[in-house]
N, C-alpha and C. Protein backbone atom coordinates (compact mmCIF):
# COMPACT_ATOMS: atom_id res chain seq x y z
N MET A 1 0.83 -1.18 0.00
CA MET A 1 0.00 0.00 0.00
C MET A 1 0.88 1.25 0.00
N LYS A 2 1.91 1.24 0.83
CA LYS A 2 2.80 2.39 0.91
C LYS A 2 3.55 2.60 -0.40
N ALA A 3 3.95 1.50 -1.05
CA ALA A 3 4.67 1.59 -2.32
C ALA A 3 3.78 2.22 -3.40
N ARG A 4 2.51 1.90 -3.39
CA ARG A 4 1.57 2.48 -4.37
C ARG A 4 1.45 3.99 -4.15
N GLN A 5 1.37 4.41 -2.89
CA GLN A 5 1.26 5.84 -2.59
C GLN A 5 2.53 6.58 -3.02
N GLU A 6 3.69 5.96 -2.73
CA GLU A 6 4.95 6.59 -3.13
C GLU A 6 5.06 6.72 -4.64
N LYS A 7 4.63 5.70 -5.37
CA LYS A 7 4.68 5.74 -6.83
C LYS A 7 3.73 6.82 -7.37
N GLU A 8 2.56 6.94 -6.75
CA GLU A 8 1.59 7.97 -7.17
C GLU A 8 2.17 9.36 -6.94
N GLU A 9 2.82 9.57 -5.80
CA GLU A 9 3.43 10.87 -5.52
C GLU A 9 4.60 11.16 -6.46
N ARG A 10 5.38 10.13 -6.77
CA ARG A 10 6.56 10.30 -7.64
C ARG A 10 6.17 10.57 -9.08
N THR A 11 5.17 9.84 -9.60
CA THR A 11 4.80 9.97 -11.01
C THR A 11 3.68 10.98 -11.23
N GLY A 12 2.91 11.27 -10.21
CA GLY A 12 1.78 12.17 -10.37
C GLY A 12 0.56 11.50 -10.96
N ARG A 13 0.64 10.18 -11.17
CA ARG A 13 -0.50 9.43 -11.72
C ARG A 13 -0.91 8.34 -10.74
N LYS A 14 -2.21 8.07 -10.74
CA LYS A 14 -2.73 7.02 -9.87
C LYS A 14 -2.40 5.65 -10.49
N PRO A 15 -1.88 4.69 -9.70
CA PRO A 15 -1.57 3.35 -10.24
C PRO A 15 -2.83 2.64 -10.72
N ARG A 16 -2.68 1.88 -11.81
CA ARG A 16 -3.82 1.14 -12.35
C ARG A 16 -4.07 -0.11 -11.53
N GLY A 17 -5.26 -0.66 -11.68
CA GLY A 17 -5.62 -1.90 -11.01
C GLY A 17 -6.13 -1.67 -9.60
N THR A 18 -6.61 -2.73 -9.02
CA THR A 18 -7.13 -2.65 -7.66
C THR A 18 -5.97 -2.78 -6.67
N PRO A 19 -6.04 -2.06 -5.59
CA PRO A 19 -4.97 -2.19 -4.59
C PRO A 19 -4.99 -3.59 -3.98
N PRO A 20 -3.82 -4.11 -3.60
CA PRO A 20 -3.78 -5.47 -3.04
C PRO A 20 -4.48 -5.53 -1.68
N ALA A 21 -5.11 -6.65 -1.44
CA ALA A 21 -5.80 -6.86 -0.17
C ALA A 21 -4.78 -7.34 0.87
N PRO A 22 -4.96 -6.97 2.11
CA PRO A 22 -4.04 -7.47 3.14
C PRO A 22 -4.19 -8.98 3.31
N PRO A 23 -3.12 -9.66 3.71
CA PRO A 23 -3.20 -11.13 3.87
C PRO A 23 -4.17 -11.51 4.98
N THR A 24 -4.83 -12.64 4.78
CA THR A 24 -5.76 -13.15 5.79
C THR A 24 -5.06 -14.26 6.58
N PRO A 25 -5.28 -14.29 7.88
CA PRO A 25 -4.62 -15.32 8.69
C PRO A 25 -5.23 -16.70 8.45
N GLY A 26 -4.43 -17.75 8.67
CA GLY A 26 -4.91 -19.12 8.56
C GLY A 26 -4.85 -19.67 7.16
N PRO A 27 -5.05 -20.98 7.01
CA PRO A 27 -5.01 -21.61 5.69
C PRO A 27 -6.24 -21.27 4.86
N ARG A 28 -6.03 -21.18 3.55
CA ARG A 28 -7.12 -20.94 2.61
C ARG A 28 -7.59 -22.28 2.06
N ALA A 29 -8.73 -22.31 1.40
CA ALA A 29 -9.30 -23.56 0.87
C ALA A 29 -8.37 -24.20 -0.16
N GLN A 30 -7.63 -23.41 -0.96
CA GLN A 30 -6.77 -23.98 -1.99
C GLN A 30 -5.36 -24.29 -1.49
N ASP A 31 -5.03 -23.97 -0.25
CA ASP A 31 -3.71 -24.29 0.30
C ASP A 31 -3.56 -25.80 0.43
N GLN A 32 -2.37 -26.28 0.12
CA GLN A 32 -2.11 -27.71 0.19
C GLN A 32 -1.27 -28.00 1.43
N ILE A 33 -1.95 -28.33 2.51
CA ILE A 33 -1.27 -28.67 3.75
C ILE A 33 -1.84 -29.98 4.27
N ASN A 34 -1.07 -30.66 5.05
CA ASN A 34 -1.52 -31.90 5.65
C ASN A 34 -1.58 -31.68 7.15
N LEU A 35 -2.77 -31.64 7.70
CA LEU A 35 -2.93 -31.36 9.12
C LEU A 35 -2.60 -32.56 10.00
N THR A 36 -2.64 -33.78 9.46
CA THR A 36 -2.34 -34.96 10.26
C THR A 36 -0.86 -35.34 10.23
N ASP A 37 -0.13 -34.96 9.17
CA ASP A 37 1.29 -35.27 9.05
C ASP A 37 2.02 -34.09 8.40
N PRO A 38 2.27 -33.02 9.15
CA PRO A 38 2.85 -31.82 8.56
C PRO A 38 4.30 -32.00 8.09
N ASP A 39 4.97 -33.08 8.49
CA ASP A 39 6.35 -33.31 8.06
C ASP A 39 6.43 -33.90 6.66
N SER A 40 5.36 -34.51 6.15
CA SER A 40 5.39 -35.08 4.81
C SER A 40 5.32 -33.97 3.78
N ARG A 41 5.68 -34.31 2.54
CA ARG A 41 5.71 -33.33 1.45
C ARG A 41 4.99 -33.87 0.23
N ILE A 42 4.60 -32.99 -0.67
CA ILE A 42 4.02 -33.41 -1.94
C ILE A 42 5.19 -33.71 -2.87
N LEU A 43 5.34 -35.00 -3.23
CA LEU A 43 6.46 -35.46 -4.04
C LEU A 43 5.94 -36.09 -5.33
N PRO A 44 6.77 -36.09 -6.39
CA PRO A 44 6.36 -36.75 -7.63
C PRO A 44 6.16 -38.25 -7.40
N ALA A 45 5.13 -38.82 -7.98
CA ALA A 45 4.84 -40.25 -7.86
C ALA A 45 5.45 -41.00 -9.05
N ALA A 46 5.74 -42.28 -8.86
CA ALA A 46 6.39 -43.08 -9.89
C ALA A 46 5.55 -43.19 -11.16
N GLY A 47 4.27 -43.31 -11.06
CA GLY A 47 3.41 -43.47 -12.23
C GLY A 47 2.94 -42.15 -12.82
N GLY A 48 3.49 -41.06 -12.37
CA GLY A 48 3.05 -39.74 -12.81
C GLY A 48 2.19 -39.08 -11.75
N GLY A 49 2.11 -37.80 -11.77
CA GLY A 49 1.33 -37.06 -10.79
C GLY A 49 2.12 -36.85 -9.51
N PHE A 50 1.41 -36.54 -8.44
CA PHE A 50 2.05 -36.23 -7.16
C PHE A 50 1.30 -36.89 -6.03
N GLU A 51 2.03 -37.17 -4.92
CA GLU A 51 1.43 -37.78 -3.74
C GLU A 51 2.00 -37.11 -2.50
N GLN A 52 1.22 -37.07 -1.43
CA GLN A 52 1.70 -36.61 -0.13
C GLN A 52 2.47 -37.77 0.47
N SER A 53 3.79 -37.63 0.61
CA SER A 53 4.59 -38.78 1.04
C SER A 53 5.96 -38.37 1.55
N TYR A 54 6.77 -39.37 1.81
CA TYR A 54 8.18 -39.24 2.16
C TYR A 54 8.98 -39.98 1.10
N ASN A 55 10.29 -39.83 1.13
CA ASN A 55 11.19 -40.59 0.28
C ASN A 55 12.01 -41.48 1.20
N ALA A 56 11.88 -42.79 1.05
CA ALA A 56 12.57 -43.73 1.93
C ALA A 56 13.69 -44.45 1.19
N GLN A 57 14.76 -44.75 1.91
CA GLN A 57 15.87 -45.52 1.38
C GLN A 57 16.11 -46.71 2.31
N ALA A 58 16.60 -47.80 1.73
CA ALA A 58 16.92 -48.98 2.51
C ALA A 58 18.18 -49.63 1.96
N ALA A 59 19.05 -50.08 2.85
CA ALA A 59 20.23 -50.84 2.46
C ALA A 59 19.97 -52.29 2.86
N VAL A 60 20.16 -53.21 1.91
CA VAL A 60 19.81 -54.61 2.13
C VAL A 60 21.03 -55.48 1.89
N ASP A 61 21.23 -56.46 2.79
CA ASP A 61 22.27 -57.46 2.60
C ASP A 61 21.79 -58.41 1.49
N THR A 62 22.56 -58.51 0.41
CA THR A 62 22.12 -59.29 -0.74
C THR A 62 22.12 -60.79 -0.48
N ASP A 63 22.92 -61.27 0.46
CA ASP A 63 22.94 -62.71 0.75
C ASP A 63 21.73 -63.15 1.57
N THR A 64 21.40 -62.38 2.59
CA THR A 64 20.32 -62.77 3.49
C THR A 64 19.02 -62.02 3.25
N MET A 65 19.05 -61.00 2.39
CA MET A 65 17.90 -60.13 2.12
C MET A 65 17.41 -59.43 3.38
N LEU A 66 18.32 -59.21 4.31
CA LEU A 66 18.01 -58.54 5.57
C LEU A 66 18.24 -57.04 5.40
N VAL A 67 17.27 -56.23 5.81
CA VAL A 67 17.42 -54.78 5.78
C VAL A 67 18.35 -54.39 6.92
N VAL A 68 19.48 -53.76 6.57
CA VAL A 68 20.48 -53.43 7.59
C VAL A 68 20.52 -51.94 7.91
N ALA A 69 19.94 -51.10 7.08
CA ALA A 69 19.91 -49.66 7.37
C ALA A 69 18.74 -49.04 6.60
N THR A 70 18.16 -48.01 7.20
CA THR A 70 17.04 -47.31 6.56
C THR A 70 17.25 -45.81 6.66
N GLY A 71 16.57 -45.09 5.81
CA GLY A 71 16.61 -43.63 5.85
C GLY A 71 15.29 -43.07 5.37
N LEU A 72 14.97 -41.87 5.82
CA LEU A 72 13.72 -41.22 5.46
C LEU A 72 14.01 -39.74 5.25
N THR A 73 13.50 -39.17 4.16
CA THR A 73 13.75 -37.77 3.86
C THR A 73 12.52 -37.15 3.21
N GLN A 74 12.51 -35.82 3.17
CA GLN A 74 11.44 -35.09 2.49
C GLN A 74 11.86 -34.70 1.09
N ALA A 75 13.13 -34.90 0.74
CA ALA A 75 13.64 -34.51 -0.58
C ALA A 75 13.19 -35.51 -1.63
N ALA A 76 12.88 -35.01 -2.82
CA ALA A 76 12.42 -35.88 -3.90
C ALA A 76 13.59 -36.62 -4.56
N ASN A 77 14.79 -36.09 -4.47
CA ASN A 77 15.95 -36.66 -5.14
C ASN A 77 16.76 -37.52 -4.17
N ASP A 78 17.19 -38.71 -4.62
CA ASP A 78 17.96 -39.62 -3.78
C ASP A 78 19.47 -39.33 -3.81
N LYS A 79 19.95 -38.52 -4.72
CA LYS A 79 21.39 -38.33 -4.90
C LYS A 79 22.09 -37.87 -3.62
N GLN A 80 21.46 -36.99 -2.86
CA GLN A 80 22.10 -36.49 -1.64
C GLN A 80 22.00 -37.48 -0.48
N ARG A 81 21.35 -38.59 -0.66
CA ARG A 81 21.18 -39.57 0.43
C ARG A 81 22.19 -40.71 0.38
N ILE A 82 23.02 -40.78 -0.66
CA ILE A 82 23.98 -41.88 -0.78
C ILE A 82 25.05 -41.78 0.31
N THR A 83 25.66 -40.61 0.46
CA THR A 83 26.72 -40.44 1.46
C THR A 83 26.23 -40.73 2.88
N PRO A 84 25.08 -40.18 3.32
CA PRO A 84 24.61 -40.52 4.67
C PRO A 84 24.32 -42.02 4.84
N MET A 85 23.82 -42.68 3.79
CA MET A 85 23.54 -44.11 3.90
C MET A 85 24.84 -44.90 4.03
N VAL A 86 25.86 -44.55 3.26
CA VAL A 86 27.16 -45.22 3.35
C VAL A 86 27.75 -45.00 4.74
N GLU A 87 27.64 -43.78 5.27
CA GLU A 87 28.13 -43.51 6.63
C GLU A 87 27.39 -44.35 7.66
N THR A 88 26.09 -44.54 7.48
CA THR A 88 25.31 -45.38 8.39
C THR A 88 25.79 -46.83 8.31
N LEU A 89 26.04 -47.31 7.10
CA LEU A 89 26.54 -48.69 6.93
C LEU A 89 27.91 -48.87 7.57
N CYS A 90 28.78 -47.89 7.41
CA CYS A 90 30.13 -47.98 7.99
C CYS A 90 30.10 -47.94 9.51
N ALA A 91 29.06 -47.33 10.08
CA ALA A 91 28.96 -47.22 11.53
C ALA A 91 28.34 -48.46 12.19
N LEU A 92 27.88 -49.41 11.39
CA LEU A 92 27.29 -50.63 11.95
C LEU A 92 28.37 -51.45 12.67
N PRO A 93 27.99 -52.23 13.68
CA PRO A 93 28.97 -53.05 14.40
C PRO A 93 29.68 -54.04 13.48
N GLU A 94 30.96 -54.29 13.73
CA GLU A 94 31.75 -55.20 12.90
C GLU A 94 31.21 -56.63 12.95
N ALA A 95 30.48 -56.97 14.01
CA ALA A 95 29.92 -58.31 14.14
C ALA A 95 28.93 -58.62 13.01
N LEU A 96 28.39 -57.60 12.38
CA LEU A 96 27.45 -57.79 11.27
C LEU A 96 28.18 -58.08 9.97
N GLY A 97 29.48 -57.87 9.92
CA GLY A 97 30.25 -58.09 8.71
C GLY A 97 30.66 -56.77 8.07
N LYS A 98 31.42 -56.89 6.99
CA LYS A 98 31.92 -55.70 6.31
C LYS A 98 30.93 -55.22 5.28
N SER A 99 30.81 -53.89 5.18
CA SER A 99 29.99 -53.34 4.11
C SER A 99 30.82 -53.23 2.85
N VAL A 100 30.19 -53.18 1.70
CA VAL A 100 30.89 -53.08 0.42
C VAL A 100 31.72 -51.81 0.38
N SER A 101 31.25 -50.75 1.04
CA SER A 101 31.94 -49.46 0.98
C SER A 101 33.20 -49.44 1.84
N SER A 102 33.37 -50.39 2.76
CA SER A 102 34.55 -50.39 3.65
C SER A 102 35.80 -50.82 2.94
């Protein structure tokens, strides 16, 4: 509102269009929020479109098919999750065996 008044004083002409309305508190009907799980995000789905979800990673022992490490993120891209997953695998007790990355 103040910027419109300053522009009118500077140019000597009234700005076109309707002045902006002040923001209203609270969520609007078209806002996309999840009230039951606010930590989840709208992520691209495998078959196309979007879903309210997380991105999960799992490291599995190929011999026993045992899940040995897991990860959960809000990011849609897995590229930044490789290093943390390898660090998690390296931190596992030696009694579980050696990880490929060691």
